Amino acid sequence: MRLDGRIAIVTGAAKGMGREICLTLAREGADLALAARDVPPLEALAREIEKLGRRAIVQQTDVTEEAQVKALVDATRAAFGGRIDILVNAAGITGPIETPVSEISVEDFDQVLIVNVRGTFLPIKHVLPAMIAQRYGKVVNISGTSGLRGYKYRAAYSSSKWAIRGLTRTVALEAGPYNVNVNAVHPGIVGGARMDKLCREKARRRGAGWTPERVYQEYVDEMALRRVTTAQDVADTVCFLASDDSKNVTGQSITVDGGWDV
């Protein structure tokens, strides 16, 4: 129970990595505020968390809208006695797949930057004052390996993940004197619905001879461990960064990708 008594906000909590992160934090003792645009999956997740003996509130939130993010923070503090110990920014979108930069529309490019970057900035902006006041906090941003290297035909997504990396390092410098750790997790491709969509779209764009299964295997063959990262792999790393096991780790990028970026 490394997080016993801690209060956490998780954005993008409805499904995928966000959902597994929430369950893992709850198993380690945290109470949670669950944030996403889609409420029914959050309500189902809250019931699962309550079965684990933890508390959970549901707050419909578009992380690109400042008023909604502020309402999320206010609701969390009201529900849990004023504290916010952990913020996990897991909300994000993939944007155009297998698309040359010259074919990406301005609207698509802007949307990816707004959701992924503004949607990480705003929760930090509104949570950090409480963490500074209490002289304790853990901020974990979900970035990606495309924020560590170039990623051909994913200009919008890669740009957003590089921005999150820079935001992480900068806020770590600002928050460090107040005992607040700020780190980023960089997953590689993660098994699940999003990976399936990516493989299908890549196969379609590449044309004759390409299947989703062939694209999938191409990813696996590039990984040192020859296995695809799971949402639980990511959640376990987030839990480490959210706990006091990582008390002297800040401003860092932790890669969870089976060795794809080696």
Protein backbone atom coordinates (compact mmCIF):
# COMPACT_ATOMS: atom_id res chain seq x y z
CA MET A 1 0.00 0.00 0.00
CA ARG A 2 2.57 2.52 -1.16
CA LEU A 3 -0.09 5.17 -1.74
CA ASP A 4 -2.20 4.69 1.39
CA GLY A 5 -4.15 7.88 2.08
CA ARG A 6 -3.01 9.68 -1.07
CA ILE A 7 -5.43 11.57 -3.30
CA ALA A 8 -4.97 11.28 -7.07
CA ILE A 9 -6.49 12.88 -10.14
CA VAL A 10 -6.23 10.88 -13.37
CA THR A 11 -7.29 12.39 -16.69
CA GLY A 12 -8.16 10.15 -19.60
CA ALA A 13 -9.33 7.64 -17.00
CA ALA A 14 -12.17 6.04 -18.96
CA LYS A 15 -10.27 3.36 -20.85
CA GLY A 16 -6.94 1.88 -21.88
CA MET A 17 -3.88 3.04 -19.99
CA GLY A 18 -5.86 5.53 -17.94
CA ARG A 19 -8.17 2.86 -16.61
CA GLU A 20 -5.32 0.52 -15.66
CA ILE A 21 -3.47 3.39 -13.99
CA CYS A 22 -6.51 4.16 -11.85
CA LEU A 23 -6.97 0.56 -10.74
CA THR A 24 -3.27 0.19 -9.94
CA LEU A 25 -3.20 3.39 -7.86
CA ALA A 26 -6.32 2.24 -6.02
CA ARG A 27 -4.80 -1.16 -5.23
CA GLU A 28 -1.87 0.70 -3.67
CA GLY A 29 -4.22 2.72 -1.43
CA ALA A 30 -5.06 5.93 -3.30
CA ASP A 31 -8.47 7.56 -3.49
CA LEU A 32 -9.19 8.95 -6.94
CA ALA A 33 -10.89 11.62 -9.00
CA LEU A 34 -11.66 10.11 -12.40
CA ALA A 35 -11.75 12.54 -15.30
CA ALA A 36 -12.74 12.05 -18.94
CA ARG A 37 -15.35 13.25 -21.41
CA ASP A 38 -17.28 9.96 -21.43
CA VAL A 39 -19.06 9.46 -18.10
CA PRO A 40 -20.54 5.90 -18.16
CA PRO A 41 -17.11 4.16 -18.30
CA LEU A 42 -15.95 6.38 -15.44
CA GLU A 43 -18.95 5.37 -13.34
CA ALA A 44 -18.23 1.69 -13.99
CA LEU A 45 -14.59 2.23 -13.05
CA ALA A 46 -15.58 4.06 -9.87
CA ARG A 47 -17.61 1.02 -8.80
CA GLU A 48 -14.58 -1.23 -9.36
CA ILE A 49 -12.41 1.09 -7.28
CA GLU A 50 -14.96 1.16 -4.46
CA LYS A 51 -14.91 -2.66 -4.40
CA LEU A 52 -11.19 -2.35 -3.66
CA GLY A 53 -12.06 -0.34 -0.56
CA ARG A 54 -11.07 3.04 -1.96
CA ARG A 55 -13.11 6.15 -2.71
CA ALA A 56 -13.65 7.54 -6.20
CA ILE A 57 -15.47 10.51 -7.66
CA VAL A 58 -16.41 10.99 -11.30
CA GLN A 59 -15.99 14.33 -13.01
CA GLN A 60 -16.82 14.82 -16.67
CA THR A 61 -13.92 16.86 -18.01
CA ASP A 62 -12.67 18.12 -21.34
CA VAL A 63 -9.02 18.79 -20.50
CA THR A 64 -8.79 21.44 -23.22
CA GLU A 65 -11.36 23.63 -21.45
CA GLU A 66 -9.90 25.59 -18.54
CA ALA A 67 -13.20 26.06 -16.69
CA GLN A 68 -13.80 22.30 -16.72
CA VAL A 69 -10.29 21.55 -15.48
CA LYS A 70 -10.69 24.06 -12.66
CA ALA A 71 -14.01 22.44 -11.76
CA LEU A 72 -12.27 19.05 -11.63
CA VAL A 73 -9.65 20.35 -9.23
CA ASP A 74 -12.23 22.13 -7.05
CA ALA A 75 -14.43 19.02 -6.91
CA THR A 76 -11.47 16.85 -5.92
CA ARG A 77 -10.41 19.15 -3.12
CA ALA A 78 -13.98 19.41 -1.85
CA ALA A 79 -14.45 15.63 -1.87
CA PHE A 80 -11.15 14.69 -0.26
CA GLY A 81 -10.42 17.37 2.31
CA GLY A 82 -8.41 19.81 0.25
CA ARG A 83 -5.43 17.66 -0.67
CA ILE A 84 -4.24 16.57 -4.09
CA ASP A 85 -1.13 14.41 -3.88
CA ILE A 86 -0.91 12.88 -7.36
CA LEU A 87 -1.79 14.10 -10.85
CA VAL A 88 -1.59 11.72 -13.79
CA ASN A 89 -2.12 13.31 -17.20
CA ALA A 90 -3.18 10.37 -19.36
CA ALA A 91 -5.67 12.10 -21.68
CA GLY A 92 -4.58 12.31 -25.32
CA ILE A 93 -5.30 11.55 -28.96
CA THR A 94 -3.25 10.00 -31.77
CA GLY A 95 -4.13 12.27 -34.68
CA PRO A 96 -3.26 11.48 -38.32
CA ILE A 97 -1.60 8.08 -38.87
CA GLU A 98 0.89 7.22 -41.63
CA THR A 99 0.38 10.70 -43.12
CA PRO A 100 3.17 12.80 -44.67
CA VAL A 101 3.51 16.23 -43.11
CA SER A 102 2.44 17.90 -46.37
CA GLU A 103 -0.90 16.08 -46.18
CA ILE A 104 -1.78 16.92 -42.56
CA SER A 105 -4.48 19.56 -42.33
CA VAL A 106 -3.98 22.58 -40.11
CA GLU A 107 -7.13 21.59 -38.24
CA ASP A 108 -5.83 18.08 -37.48
CA PHE A 109 -2.42 19.39 -36.44
CA ASP A 110 -3.96 21.98 -34.12
CA GLN A 111 -6.33 19.46 -32.56
CA VAL A 112 -3.50 17.11 -31.59
CA LEU A 113 -1.50 19.94 -30.04
CA ILE A 114 -4.52 21.30 -28.20
CA VAL A 115 -5.60 17.98 -26.69
CA ASN A 116 -2.17 16.57 -25.91
CA VAL A 117 -0.30 19.69 -24.86
CA ARG A 118 -2.93 22.09 -23.58
CA GLY A 119 -4.67 19.08 -22.04
CA THR A 120 -1.52 18.38 -20.02
CA PHE A 121 -0.73 22.01 -19.22
CA LEU A 122 -4.13 22.96 -17.79
CA PRO A 123 -4.34 20.22 -15.11
CA ILE A 124 -0.77 21.05 -14.05
CA LYS A 125 -1.63 24.75 -13.89
CA HIS A 126 -4.59 24.19 -11.60
CA VAL A 127 -3.22 21.36 -9.42
CA LEU A 128 0.27 22.70 -8.80
CA PRO A 129 -0.72 25.52 -6.39
CA ALA A 130 -2.26 22.99 -3.99
CA MET A 131 0.82 20.77 -4.19
CA ILE A 132 3.13 23.73 -3.58
CA ALA A 133 1.06 24.87 -0.59
CA GLN A 134 1.20 21.42 1.02
CA ARG A 135 4.87 20.98 0.08
CA TYR A 136 4.21 17.62 -1.53
CA GLY A 137 3.12 16.33 -4.90
CA LYS A 138 3.70 13.90 -7.75
CA VAL A 139 2.90 14.85 -11.35
CA VAL A 140 3.18 12.13 -13.99
CA ASN A 141 2.66 13.01 -17.64
CA ILE A 142 2.03 10.31 -20.23
CA SER A 143 4.14 11.16 -23.24
CA GLY A 144 5.47 8.57 -25.70
CA THR A 145 8.59 7.29 -27.43
CA SER A 146 7.76 9.63 -30.31
CA GLY A 147 8.77 12.38 -27.88
CA LEU A 148 12.28 10.91 -27.75
CA ARG A 149 13.00 10.45 -31.48
CA GLY A 150 11.59 11.38 -34.84
CA TYR A 151 8.52 9.46 -35.97
CA LYS A 152 8.00 9.43 -39.73
CA TYR A 153 4.45 10.22 -40.91
CA ARG A 154 3.31 11.21 -37.39
CA ALA A 155 4.37 14.87 -37.32
CA ALA A 156 1.48 16.16 -35.22
CA TYR A 157 1.64 13.40 -32.62
CA SER A 158 5.42 13.49 -32.35
CA SER A 159 5.42 17.27 -31.98
CA SER A 160 2.93 17.04 -29.13
CA LYS A 161 4.95 14.42 -27.27
CA TRP A 162 8.17 16.40 -27.61
CA ALA A 163 6.29 19.37 -26.16
CA ILE A 164 5.13 17.32 -23.18
CA ARG A 165 8.71 16.28 -22.54
CA GLY A 166 9.80 19.92 -22.50
CA LEU A 167 6.88 20.93 -20.29
CA THR A 168 7.75 18.14 -17.85
CA ARG A 169 11.36 19.21 -17.46
CA THR A 170 10.48 22.89 -17.11
CA VAL A 171 7.78 22.38 -14.48
CA ALA A 172 10.12 20.04 -12.58
CA LEU A 173 12.52 22.95 -12.15
CA GLU A 174 9.75 25.26 -10.95
CA ALA A 175 8.15 22.77 -8.58
CA GLY A 176 11.25 21.05 -7.21
CA PRO A 177 11.95 23.52 -4.40
CA TYR A 178 8.50 22.71 -2.99
CA ASN A 179 9.04 18.92 -2.84
CA VAL A 180 6.96 18.29 -5.96
CA ASN A 181 8.22 15.71 -8.45
CA VAL A 182 7.32 16.03 -12.13
CA ASN A 183 8.14 13.20 -14.53
CA ALA A 184 7.05 11.74 -17.86
CA VAL A 185 6.40 8.15 -18.86
CA HIS A 186 7.15 7.38 -22.51
CA PRO A 187 5.27 4.23 -23.54
CA GLY A 188 6.03 2.60 -26.83
CA ILE A 189 3.14 1.13 -28.75
CA VAL A 190 0.73 -0.38 -26.23
CA GLY A 191 -1.42 -3.42 -26.93
CA GLY A 192 -5.14 -2.77 -27.18
CA ALA A 193 -7.70 -0.93 -29.26
CA ARG A 194 -5.40 1.99 -30.10
CA MET A 195 -2.64 -0.30 -31.37
CA ASP A 196 -5.16 -2.30 -33.39
CA LYS A 197 -6.40 0.91 -35.03
CA LEU A 198 -2.85 2.03 -35.76
CA CYS A 199 -1.97 -1.29 -37.40
CA ARG A 200 -5.11 -1.27 -39.51
CA GLU A 201 -4.54 2.28 -40.70
CA LYS A 202 -0.87 1.71 -41.46
CA ALA A 203 -1.72 -1.40 -43.48
CA ARG A 204 -4.40 0.46 -45.39
CA ARG A 205 -2.13 3.40 -46.19
CA ARG A 206 0.77 1.18 -47.27
CA GLY A 207 -1.39 -0.75 -49.70
CA ALA A 208 -0.97 -4.11 -51.43
CA GLY A 209 0.77 -6.83 -49.44
CA TRP A 210 0.30 -5.14 -46.08
CA THR A 211 -2.01 -6.49 -43.39
CA PRO A 212 -2.56 -5.34 -39.80
CA GLU A 213 -0.83 -8.53 -38.65
CA ARG A 214 2.25 -7.74 -40.72
CA VAL A 215 2.41 -4.21 -39.30
CA TYR A 216 2.04 -5.64 -35.77
CA GLN A 217 4.89 -8.06 -36.34
CA GLU A 218 7.05 -5.25 -37.72
CA TYR A 219 6.71 -3.46 -34.39
CA VAL A 220 7.47 -6.61 -32.41
CA ASP A 221 10.59 -7.34 -34.47
CA GLU A 222 11.94 -3.87 -33.60
CA MET A 223 11.64 -4.50 -29.85
CA ALA A 224 14.61 -5.86 -27.92
CA LEU A 225 12.31 -7.95 -25.71
CA ARG A 226 10.13 -9.02 -28.65
CA ARG A 227 6.94 -8.31 -26.73
CA VAL A 228 4.41 -5.50 -26.87
CA THR A 229 3.97 -3.22 -23.87
CA THR A 230 0.73 -3.65 -21.92
CA ALA A 231 -1.33 -1.01 -20.19
CA GLN A 232 -0.37 -2.67 -16.90
CA ASP A 233 3.33 -2.19 -17.70
CA VAL A 234 2.67 1.53 -18.01
CA ALA A 235 0.50 1.63 -14.89
CA ASP A 236 3.23 -0.04 -12.80
CA THR A 237 5.72 2.62 -13.87
CA VAL A 238 3.25 5.40 -13.09
CA CYS A 239 2.71 3.89 -9.65
CA PHE A 240 6.45 3.96 -9.00
CA LEU A 241 6.62 7.64 -9.96
CA ALA A 242 3.54 8.42 -7.87
CA SER A 243 5.03 6.81 -4.77
CA ASP A 244 7.83 7.83 -2.45
CA ASP A 245 9.99 5.12 -4.01
CA SER A 246 10.80 7.80 -6.59
CA LYS A 247 11.31 10.66 -4.14
CA ASN A 248 14.58 11.78 -5.76
CA VAL A 249 13.48 11.32 -9.37
CA THR A 250 12.24 14.44 -11.16
CA GLY A 251 12.33 15.98 -14.60
CA GLN A 252 12.93 12.55 -16.10
CA SER A 253 11.62 10.54 -19.04
CA ILE A 254 11.07 6.88 -18.24
CA THR A 255 10.64 4.73 -21.33
CA VAL A 256 8.41 1.64 -21.25
CA ASP A 257 8.59 0.13 -24.73
CA GLY A 258 10.15 -3.34 -24.59
CA GLY A 259 13.35 -1.89 -26.00
CA TRP A 260 11.86 -0.38 -29.18
CA ASP A 261 13.83 2.85 -28.75
CA VAL A 262 17.15 1.19 -27.92
